[in-house]
Amino acid sequence: MQSANMFLKKIVRSSVLPFAAQHGMKKDLFPLSRTLSLSLCLKQDNSCEPSRKLDLDAWKKVMKSGLQEEVSETVLEPKELSTLAAAREILEMWRLAGRLVPENISEEQLKTFMECPSKSAKKKYLKYLHLKELYKKNDKRKMDEKRERRLEAQEQASKTDETKKNSFVCMWSNTMDKAYNWRAAQSMIFGQPLVFDMSYEKEMSVREVANTVRQIILGEGSNRRSVDPFHIHFCNFKDDSLYHREFIKHYRETWGKLLITVTDQCYTEIFPKDKLIYLTADSPKVMKTFDHDKIYIVGSMVDKSIKTGVSLARAKRLGLETAALPLEKYLLWSTGGKNLTLDQMMHILLTLKDTADWKKALEFVPKRKYCGFVNKPVKELKKTLDLMNTLKLGKRREEEQKQFAKNYSKKYKLK
């Protein structure tokens, strides 16, 4: 019996422990515990049944099978790790090659990538992961932008609240409003009249009327803030019209308190005809200087959808003098029509009234419509532009002829 136990201990020391150390199984004492338990069982069995012999060959087979199972389990883990590392290296190579590969990929996604049956399937799966990652990034970016906008709006609201709370600023705004109102009241007595013809409602849609009213409101605000404002007249203005509704929608309670003249009469009934000048872009006569004794009329309409010559025809029917702004004389016109918005016309007329400088006044023309101010006469500029265009066309034709000659010579050589 002692010889059998000694034999078992020798087997454990000589074969099992070195094998476990070789395969990284020092911490795993499962085989040793199994051997000890088996040896105790054998002791008990031998003490109870002395006649039964120990089958060492069967016991060795059991021990070897258990060890092989545990070794296979421990060896599989580094294999899986090595395959995952190889897959990650492949992804890095594809990313450097410029393919659509996600920046961050989990182990589950790597396993599904490895399980793809073909290379095209792997590419499609990586493209799907890449697009999904991009969508997440875009959503996060949008959320961050919204958060920043919200914070900016809160900061601006807090700043406006602070300015409102400031008594000095409130007092300053009140005094400035009083000063503007005082100027407007003086202009109603001593100021130069400026007429807005409100008889074009039938020529426009509801949207165009609303756009016209917005432009007039902007012009009225700039006139009110000027040093020497006009006395604004709304002529041919009818109650409960589209113009009237839009003005009430914007001004509300202050509509009845505006320091302007609103009437349903025509301007020819209020002012003498020899003092009226109708400003229209279709007029053949060009305005040279601003006359402080004349009364200028502006048509209250949006010119995008109005046919050309409507305001000119109306002025001729009434027997009025017409004039157009000298845009071509002072500006090198590039594209677009020469019709300006009503608030731009107001800025130009106010600047002309205060300074009589056409260059300062025409700075309110949108810069997309002209290339710059004219320093030479217009005829000379047109001649130079025509020469430049002809030279460009000549160069293009020469290049086309050279290219044609090269192509023709190549075809001839090939034949």
Protein backbone atom coordinates (compact mmCIF):
# COMPACT_ATOMS: atom_id res chain seq x y z
CA MET A 1 0.00 0.00 0.00
CA GLN A 2 2.78 2.42 0.86
CA SER A 3 4.57 1.50 -2.31
CA ALA A 4 1.41 2.38 -4.34
CA ASN A 5 1.12 5.82 -2.68
CA MET A 6 4.77 6.49 -3.25
CA PHE A 7 4.33 5.48 -6.86
CA LEU A 8 1.43 7.92 -7.24
CA LYS A 9 3.41 10.77 -5.71
CA LYS A 10 6.28 10.08 -8.07
CA ILE A 11 3.90 10.20 -11.06
CA VAL A 12 2.50 13.56 -9.92
CA ARG A 13 5.93 15.05 -9.31
CA SER A 14 7.54 13.70 -12.46
CA SER A 15 4.77 14.09 -15.09
CA VAL A 16 1.81 16.19 -13.96
CA LEU A 17 3.54 19.15 -12.30
CA PRO A 18 6.10 19.80 -15.11
CA PHE A 19 3.33 19.51 -17.70
CA ALA A 20 1.20 22.07 -15.83
CA ALA A 21 4.13 24.45 -15.46
CA GLN A 22 4.94 24.14 -19.16
CA HIS A 23 1.38 25.12 -20.19
CA GLY A 24 0.84 27.88 -17.66
CA MET A 25 -1.25 25.85 -15.23
CA LYS A 26 0.64 26.45 -11.99
CA LYS A 27 -2.30 28.11 -10.35
CA ASP A 28 -4.69 25.41 -11.47
CA LEU A 29 -4.43 22.65 -8.85
CA PHE A 30 -7.31 20.66 -10.29
CA PRO A 31 -5.19 17.65 -11.36
CA LEU A 32 -3.37 17.57 -8.04
CA SER A 33 -6.61 17.69 -6.06
CA ARG A 34 -8.02 14.97 -8.26
CA THR A 35 -4.97 12.75 -7.67
CA LEU A 36 -5.10 13.32 -3.93
CA SER A 37 -8.82 12.56 -3.80
CA LEU A 38 -8.31 9.44 -5.87
CA SER A 39 -5.45 8.35 -3.67
CA LEU A 40 -7.61 8.78 -0.54
CA CYS A 41 -10.39 6.81 -2.17
CA LEU A 42 -7.93 4.11 -3.04
CA LYS A 43 -6.74 4.06 0.54
CA GLN A 44 -10.26 3.70 1.82
CA ASP A 45 -11.11 1.08 -0.79
CA ASN A 46 -7.98 -0.86 0.00
CA SER A 47 -8.64 -0.68 3.72
CA CYS A 48 -12.18 -1.90 3.23
CA GLU A 49 -11.47 -4.45 0.50
CA PRO A 50 -7.92 -5.72 0.68
CA SER A 51 -8.50 -8.39 -1.97
CA ARG A 52 -9.30 -5.78 -4.79
CA LYS A 53 -6.25 -4.78 -6.93
CA LEU A 54 -5.53 -1.29 -8.20
CA ASP A 55 -5.93 -0.83 -12.00
CA LEU A 56 -3.16 1.69 -12.67
CA ASP A 57 -3.59 1.67 -16.45
CA ALA A 58 -7.25 2.78 -16.23
CA TRP A 59 -6.35 5.44 -13.70
CA LYS A 60 -3.61 6.83 -16.03
CA LYS A 61 -6.08 6.96 -18.91
CA VAL A 62 -8.56 9.00 -16.79
CA MET A 63 -5.84 11.39 -15.65
CA LYS A 64 -4.51 11.95 -19.20
CA SER A 65 -8.01 12.59 -20.63
CA GLY A 66 -8.74 15.23 -17.94
CA LEU A 67 -5.42 16.94 -18.49
CA GLN A 68 -5.93 17.01 -22.28
CA GLU A 69 -9.37 18.62 -21.89
CA GLU A 70 -8.03 21.35 -19.60
CA VAL A 71 -5.01 21.96 -21.81
CA SER A 72 -7.27 22.32 -24.86
CA GLU A 73 -9.43 24.85 -22.98
CA THR A 74 -6.39 26.91 -21.96
CA VAL A 75 -4.81 26.79 -25.43
CA LEU A 76 -7.97 27.94 -27.25
CA GLU A 77 -8.03 31.30 -25.48
CA PRO A 78 -4.70 32.60 -26.84
CA LYS A 79 -5.70 31.35 -30.31
CA GLU A 80 -8.84 33.46 -30.20
CA LEU A 81 -6.82 36.41 -28.97
CA SER A 82 -4.31 36.00 -31.78
CA THR A 83 -7.07 35.86 -34.42
CA LEU A 84 -8.68 39.02 -33.04
CA ALA A 85 -5.32 40.80 -33.08
CA ALA A 86 -4.76 39.68 -36.68
CA ALA A 87 -8.23 41.00 -37.62
CA ARG A 88 -7.43 44.34 -36.00
CA GLU A 89 -4.17 44.54 -37.98
CA ILE A 90 -6.11 43.86 -41.20
CA LEU A 91 -8.52 46.67 -40.33
CA GLU A 92 -5.63 49.06 -39.70
CA MET A 93 -4.12 48.16 -43.08
CA TRP A 94 -7.46 48.74 -44.83
CA ARG A 95 -7.83 52.09 -43.03
CA LEU A 96 -4.37 53.18 -44.23
CA ALA A 97 -5.31 52.05 -47.73
CA GLY A 98 -8.24 54.49 -47.69
CA ARG A 99 -11.12 52.06 -47.32
CA LEU A 100 -14.25 52.72 -45.28
CA VAL A 101 -13.34 51.31 -41.86
CA PRO A 102 -14.82 52.41 -38.49
CA GLU A 103 -12.47 54.01 -35.98
CA ASN A 104 -13.76 52.06 -32.98
CA ILE A 105 -14.87 48.44 -33.25
CA SER A 106 -15.88 46.05 -30.47
CA GLU A 107 -14.92 42.38 -30.07
CA GLU A 108 -18.40 41.20 -31.05
CA GLN A 109 -18.22 43.23 -34.24
CA LEU A 110 -14.75 41.79 -34.93
CA LYS A 111 -16.09 38.27 -34.52
CA THR A 112 -18.97 38.97 -36.92
CA PHE A 113 -16.42 40.49 -39.32
CA MET A 114 -14.33 37.30 -39.15
CA GLU A 115 -17.41 35.15 -39.69
CA CYS A 116 -18.29 36.90 -42.97
CA PRO A 117 -18.14 34.35 -45.80
CA SER A 118 -16.40 36.51 -48.44
CA LYS A 119 -14.23 39.59 -48.84
CA SER A 120 -17.06 41.63 -50.37
CA ALA A 121 -19.30 40.77 -47.42
CA LYS A 122 -16.56 41.94 -45.04
CA LYS A 123 -16.24 45.23 -46.96
CA LYS A 124 -20.01 45.78 -46.86
CA TYR A 125 -20.14 45.07 -43.14
CA LEU A 126 -17.28 47.50 -42.45
CA LYS A 127 -18.96 50.16 -44.63
CA TYR A 128 -22.17 49.71 -42.63
CA LEU A 129 -20.26 50.15 -39.35
CA HIS A 130 -18.44 53.21 -40.76
CA LEU A 131 -21.70 54.90 -41.84
CA LYS A 132 -23.31 54.09 -38.51
CA GLU A 133 -20.37 55.72 -36.72
CA LEU A 134 -20.62 58.80 -38.96
CA TYR A 135 -24.35 59.17 -38.23
CA LYS A 136 -23.67 59.00 -34.51
CA LYS A 137 -20.95 61.66 -34.82
CA ASN A 138 -23.23 63.95 -36.84
CA ASP A 139 -26.03 63.57 -34.30
CA LYS A 140 -23.62 64.39 -31.49
CA ARG A 141 -22.30 67.42 -33.37
CA LYS A 142 -25.83 68.71 -33.98
CA MET A 143 -26.71 68.27 -30.33
CA ASP A 144 -23.56 70.19 -29.33
CA GLU A 145 -24.40 73.00 -31.77
CA LYS A 146 -27.95 73.21 -30.41
CA ARG A 147 -26.57 73.35 -26.88
CA GLU A 148 -24.18 76.15 -27.85
CA ARG A 149 -26.97 78.10 -29.56
CA ARG A 150 -29.16 77.69 -26.50
CA LEU A 151 -26.37 78.94 -24.25
CA GLU A 152 -25.71 81.91 -26.54
CA ALA A 153 -29.42 82.78 -26.59
CA GLN A 154 -29.52 82.59 -22.80
CA GLU A 155 -26.46 84.85 -22.55
CA GLN A 156 -27.97 87.36 -24.96
CA ALA A 157 -31.27 87.29 -23.06
CA SER A 158 -29.41 87.89 -19.82
CA LYS A 159 -27.52 90.79 -21.42
CA THR A 160 -30.72 92.34 -22.74
CA ASP A 161 -32.30 91.94 -19.32
CA GLU A 162 -29.32 93.71 -17.79
CA THR A 163 -29.59 96.57 -20.28
CA LYS A 164 -33.29 96.85 -19.64
CA LYS A 165 -32.66 96.99 -15.92
CA ASN A 166 -30.14 99.74 -16.41
CA SER A 167 -32.03 102.97 -15.76
CA PHE A 168 -29.57 105.11 -17.72
CA VAL A 169 -30.05 103.08 -20.91
CA CYS A 170 -33.83 103.21 -20.53
CA MET A 171 -33.70 106.95 -20.00
CA TRP A 172 -31.42 107.33 -23.04
CA SER A 173 -33.75 105.31 -25.31
CA ASN A 174 -36.76 107.32 -24.13
CA THR A 175 -35.03 110.61 -24.80
CA MET A 176 -33.90 109.45 -28.25
CA ASP A 177 -37.46 108.36 -29.10
CA LYS A 178 -38.69 111.78 -28.06
CA ALA A 179 -36.04 113.46 -30.22
CA TYR A 180 -36.95 111.32 -33.25
CA ASN A 181 -40.64 112.06 -32.74
CA TRP A 182 -39.89 115.77 -32.45
CA ARG A 183 -37.99 115.71 -35.76
CA ALA A 184 -40.80 113.80 -37.46
CA ALA A 185 -43.35 116.28 -36.12
CA GLN A 186 -41.25 119.18 -37.45
CA SER A 187 -40.99 117.47 -40.84
CA MET A 188 -44.80 117.32 -41.07
CA ILE A 189 -44.80 121.14 -40.95
CA PHE A 190 -41.51 122.20 -42.56
CA GLY A 191 -40.12 119.05 -44.21
CA GLN A 192 -39.94 118.14 -47.89
CA PRO A 193 -42.80 115.81 -48.89
CA LEU A 194 -42.09 112.30 -50.18
CA VAL A 195 -45.04 110.42 -51.71
CA PHE A 196 -45.61 106.65 -51.74
CA ASP A 197 -48.11 105.69 -54.44
CA MET A 198 -50.31 102.95 -52.89
CA SER A 199 -52.39 102.24 -56.02
CA TYR A 200 -50.66 98.98 -57.08
CA GLU A 201 -52.50 96.56 -54.83
CA LYS A 202 -54.39 94.91 -57.71
CA GLU A 203 -51.13 94.30 -59.59
CA MET A 204 -49.63 92.16 -56.79
CA SER A 205 -50.36 89.01 -54.80
CA VAL A 206 -50.83 88.90 -51.02
CA ARG A 207 -47.25 87.82 -50.49
CA GLU A 208 -45.88 90.64 -52.66
CA VAL A 209 -48.01 93.21 -50.79
CA ALA A 210 -46.60 91.92 -47.47
CA ASN A 211 -43.05 92.25 -48.84
CA THR A 212 -43.79 95.80 -50.02
CA VAL A 213 -45.12 96.79 -46.58
CA ARG A 214 -41.98 95.40 -44.89
CA GLN A 215 -39.78 97.50 -47.17
CA ILE A 216 -41.86 100.64 -46.47
CA ILE A 217 -41.61 100.04 -42.70
CA LEU A 218 -37.80 99.79 -42.96
CA GLY A 219 -37.74 103.01 -44.99
CA GLU A 220 -39.99 104.80 -42.49
CA GLY A 221 -37.66 103.79 -39.63
CA SER A 222 -34.55 105.11 -41.41
CA ASN A 223 -36.40 108.35 -42.30
CA ARG A 224 -37.45 108.81 -38.65
CA ARG A 225 -33.83 108.42 -37.46
CA SER A 226 -32.34 110.83 -40.02
CA VAL A 227 -31.24 114.38 -39.24
CA ASP A 228 -33.63 116.03 -41.72
CA PRO A 229 -36.49 113.56 -42.38
CA PHE A 230 -39.05 113.67 -45.19
CA HIS A 231 -42.73 114.30 -44.64
CA ILE A 232 -44.06 110.93 -45.81
CA HIS A 233 -47.40 110.78 -47.64
CA PHE A 234 -49.32 107.54 -48.34
CA CYS A 235 -51.56 108.55 -51.25
CA ASN A 236 -54.33 106.42 -52.86
CA PHE A 237 -54.51 104.51 -49.57
CA LYS A 238 -57.83 102.76 -48.94
CA ASP A 239 -59.15 101.55 -45.62
CA ASP A 240 -59.49 97.80 -45.08
CA SER A 241 -57.16 97.10 -48.01
CA LEU A 242 -54.30 94.61 -48.06
CA TYR A 243 -51.85 97.44 -47.38
CA HIS A 244 -53.93 98.57 -44.40
CA ARG A 245 -54.11 95.05 -42.89
CA GLU A 246 -50.38 94.48 -43.25
CA PHE A 247 -49.55 97.84 -41.67
CA ILE A 248 -51.84 97.12 -38.70
CA LYS A 249 -50.27 93.65 -38.36
CA HIS A 250 -46.81 95.21 -37.99
CA TYR A 251 -47.53 98.50 -36.20
CA ARG A 252 -50.57 97.40 -34.11
CA GLU A 253 -51.52 100.17 -31.65
CA THR A 254 -48.86 102.61 -32.94
CA TRP A 255 -50.41 102.74 -36.44
CA GLY A 256 -52.66 105.65 -35.45
CA LYS A 257 -49.77 107.46 -33.73
CA LEU A 258 -47.37 107.53 -36.71
CA LEU A 259 -46.24 111.02 -37.73
CA ILE A 260 -47.07 110.54 -41.43
CA THR A 261 -49.94 111.61 -43.69
CA VAL A 262 -52.29 108.86 -44.88
CA THR A 263 -54.97 109.76 -47.45
CA ASP A 264 -57.14 108.14 -50.09
CA GLN A 265 -56.67 111.12 -52.43
CA CYS A 266 -54.33 111.12 -55.39
CA TYR A 267 -51.13 113.16 -55.17
CA THR A 268 -52.23 115.25 -58.15
CA GLU A 269 -55.13 116.50 -56.02
CA ILE A 270 -52.86 117.54 -53.12
CA PHE A 271 -49.75 118.93 -54.87
CA PRO A 272 -49.30 120.96 -58.08
CA LYS A 273 -48.31 118.83 -61.09
CA ASP A 274 -45.32 120.96 -62.05
CA LYS A 275 -43.61 120.06 -58.75
CA LEU A 276 -44.19 116.28 -58.94
CA ILE A 277 -41.50 113.91 -60.28
CA TYR A 278 -42.25 110.20 -60.55
CA LEU A 279 -39.14 108.07 -59.88
CA THR A 280 -39.16 104.97 -62.07
CA ALA A 281 -36.40 102.78 -63.50
CA ASP A 282 -38.15 102.78 -66.94
CA SER A 283 -37.90 106.53 -67.41
CA PRO A 284 -35.79 107.75 -70.37
CA LYS A 285 -34.80 110.88 -68.42
CA VAL A 286 -31.91 110.48 -65.96
CA MET A 287 -31.90 112.37 -62.66
CA LYS A 288 -28.81 114.63 -62.48
CA THR A 289 -29.20 116.45 -59.15
CA PHE A 290 -31.52 116.31 -56.16
CA ASP A 291 -33.99 119.21 -56.16
CA HIS A 292 -35.22 120.27 -52.72
CA ASP A 293 -38.20 122.15 -54.21
CA LYS A 294 -39.60 119.11 -56.03
CA ILE A 295 -41.85 116.38 -54.63
CA TYR A 296 -40.67 112.88 -55.53
CA ILE A 297 -43.09 109.96 -55.95
CA VAL A 298 -42.11 106.32 -55.37
CA GLY A 299 -44.31 103.45 -56.53
CA SER A 300 -45.15 101.09 -53.63
CA MET A 301 -44.70 97.77 -55.38
CA VAL A 302 -42.37 94.82 -55.76
CA ASP A 303 -40.78 94.94 -59.19
CA LYS A 304 -39.99 91.22 -59.50
CA SER A 305 -43.43 90.26 -60.79
CA ILE A 306 -44.62 93.65 -62.12
CA LYS A 307 -44.34 94.17 -65.84
CA THR A 308 -41.89 96.82 -66.96
CA GLY A 309 -43.35 100.21 -67.74
CA VAL A 310 -46.36 100.09 -65.37
CA SER A 311 -45.27 103.05 -63.23
CA LEU A 312 -44.05 104.93 -66.33
CA ALA A 313 -47.41 104.44 -68.04
CA ARG A 314 -49.25 105.66 -64.93
CA ALA A 315 -47.09 108.81 -64.75
CA LYS A 316 -47.70 109.53 -68.45
CA ARG A 317 -51.46 109.11 -68.04
CA LEU A 318 -51.38 111.69 -65.24
CA GLY A 319 -49.08 113.98 -67.23
CA LEU A 320 -46.25 113.93 -64.69
CA GLU A 321 -42.51 114.34 -65.13
CA THR A 322 -40.45 111.16 -64.67
CA ALA A 323 -36.85 110.45 -63.75
CA ALA A 324 -34.53 107.48 -63.17
CA LEU A 325 -31.48 107.20 -60.94
CA PRO A 326 -28.13 107.58 -62.80
CA LEU A 327 -26.96 104.07 -62.01
CA GLU A 328 -25.03 103.50 -65.27
CA LYS A 329 -23.34 106.87 -64.98
CA TYR A 330 -21.76 106.13 -61.59
CA LEU A 331 -21.77 102.33 -61.35
CA LEU A 332 -20.22 99.67 -63.56
CA TRP A 333 -23.35 97.51 -63.75
CA SER A 334 -22.78 93.76 -63.97
CA THR A 335 -26.00 91.71 -63.66
CA GLY A 336 -29.61 92.02 -62.60
CA GLY A 337 -32.30 94.60 -63.10
CA LYS A 338 -31.97 98.24 -62.13
CA ASN A 339 -34.99 98.14 -59.82
CA LEU A 340 -34.22 98.81 -56.17
CA THR A 341 -36.20 98.07 -53.01
CA LEU A 342 -38.18 100.80 -51.26
CA ASP A 343 -35.89 100.96 -48.21
CA GLN A 344 -32.85 101.30 -50.51
CA MET A 345 -34.58 104.16 -52.34
CA MET A 346 -35.26 105.85 -49.00
CA HIS A 347 -31.59 105.60 -47.96
CA ILE A 348 -30.45 106.99 -51.34
CA LEU A 349 -32.87 109.93 -51.25
CA LEU A 350 -31.99 110.79 -47.62
CA THR A 351 -28.25 110.76 -48.41
CA LEU A 352 -28.77 112.92 -51.50
CA LYS A 353 -30.84 115.35 -49.46
CA ASP A 354 -28.17 115.65 -46.76
CA THR A 355 -24.93 115.49 -48.81
CA ALA A 356 -25.82 115.81 -52.53
CA ASP A 357 -23.09 113.19 -53.16
CA TRP A 358 -24.10 110.50 -55.64
CA LYS A 359 -21.25 108.15 -54.70
CA LYS A 360 -22.23 108.15 -51.03
CA ALA A 361 -25.89 107.73 -51.94
CA LEU A 362 -25.32 104.85 -54.38
CA GLU A 363 -23.32 102.89 -51.78
CA PHE A 364 -26.73 101.59 -50.63
CA VAL A 365 -27.13 99.73 -53.94
CA PRO A 366 -26.41 95.99 -53.34
CA LYS A 367 -22.80 95.20 -54.24
CA ARG A 368 -23.78 92.02 -56.08
CA LYS A 369 -25.34 94.17 -58.82
CA TYR A 370 -22.28 96.23 -59.79
CA CYS A 371 -18.53 95.74 -60.14
CA GLY A 372 -17.46 99.16 -58.86
CA PHE A 373 -17.76 102.90 -59.32
CA VAL A 374 -17.06 104.43 -62.72
CA ASN A 375 -13.93 106.61 -62.87
CA LYS A 376 -13.95 107.09 -66.67
CA PRO A 377 -16.79 107.92 -69.06
CA VAL A 378 -19.11 105.01 -69.72
CA LYS A 379 -18.42 104.91 -73.47
CA GLU A 380 -14.68 104.40 -72.92
CA LEU A 381 -15.33 101.67 -70.38
CA LYS A 382 -17.64 99.88 -72.80
CA LYS A 383 -15.01 100.07 -75.53
CA THR A 384 -12.33 98.59 -73.23
CA LEU A 385 -14.70 95.83 -72.14
CA ASP A 386 -15.51 95.00 -75.77
CA LEU A 387 -11.79 94.89 -76.62
CA MET A 388 -11.11 92.57 -73.68
CA ASN A 389 -13.92 90.25 -74.75
CA THR A 390 -12.67 90.13 -78.36
CA LEU A 391 -9.11 89.38 -77.21
CA LYS A 392 -10.36 86.59 -74.99
CA LEU A 393 -12.39 85.12 -77.86
CA GLY A 394 -9.37 85.35 -80.18
CA LYS A 395 -7.14 83.50 -77.69
CA ARG A 396 -9.75 80.80 -77.24
CA ARG A 397 -10.05 80.32 -81.00
CA GLU A 398 -6.25 80.07 -81.39
CA GLU A 399 -6.09 77.45 -78.62
CA GLU A 400 -8.92 75.49 -80.21
CA GLN A 401 -7.19 75.55 -83.62
CA LYS A 402 -3.89 74.36 -82.08
CA GLN A 403 -5.65 71.54 -80.22
CA PHE A 404 -7.47 70.50 -83.41
CA ALA A 405 -4.18 70.48 -85.37
CA LYS A 406 -2.53 68.26 -82.72
CA ASN A 407 -5.40 65.79 -82.71
CA TYR A 408 -5.53 65.68 -86.51
CA SER A 409 -1.76 65.06 -86.77
CA LYS A 410 -2.01 62.20 -84.23
CA LYS A 411 -4.81 60.54 -86.21
CA TYR A 412 -2.85 60.92 -89.45
CA LYS A 413 0.25 59.30 -87.89
CA LEU A 414 -1.77 56.38 -86.59
CA LYS A 415 -3.14 55.73 -90.10
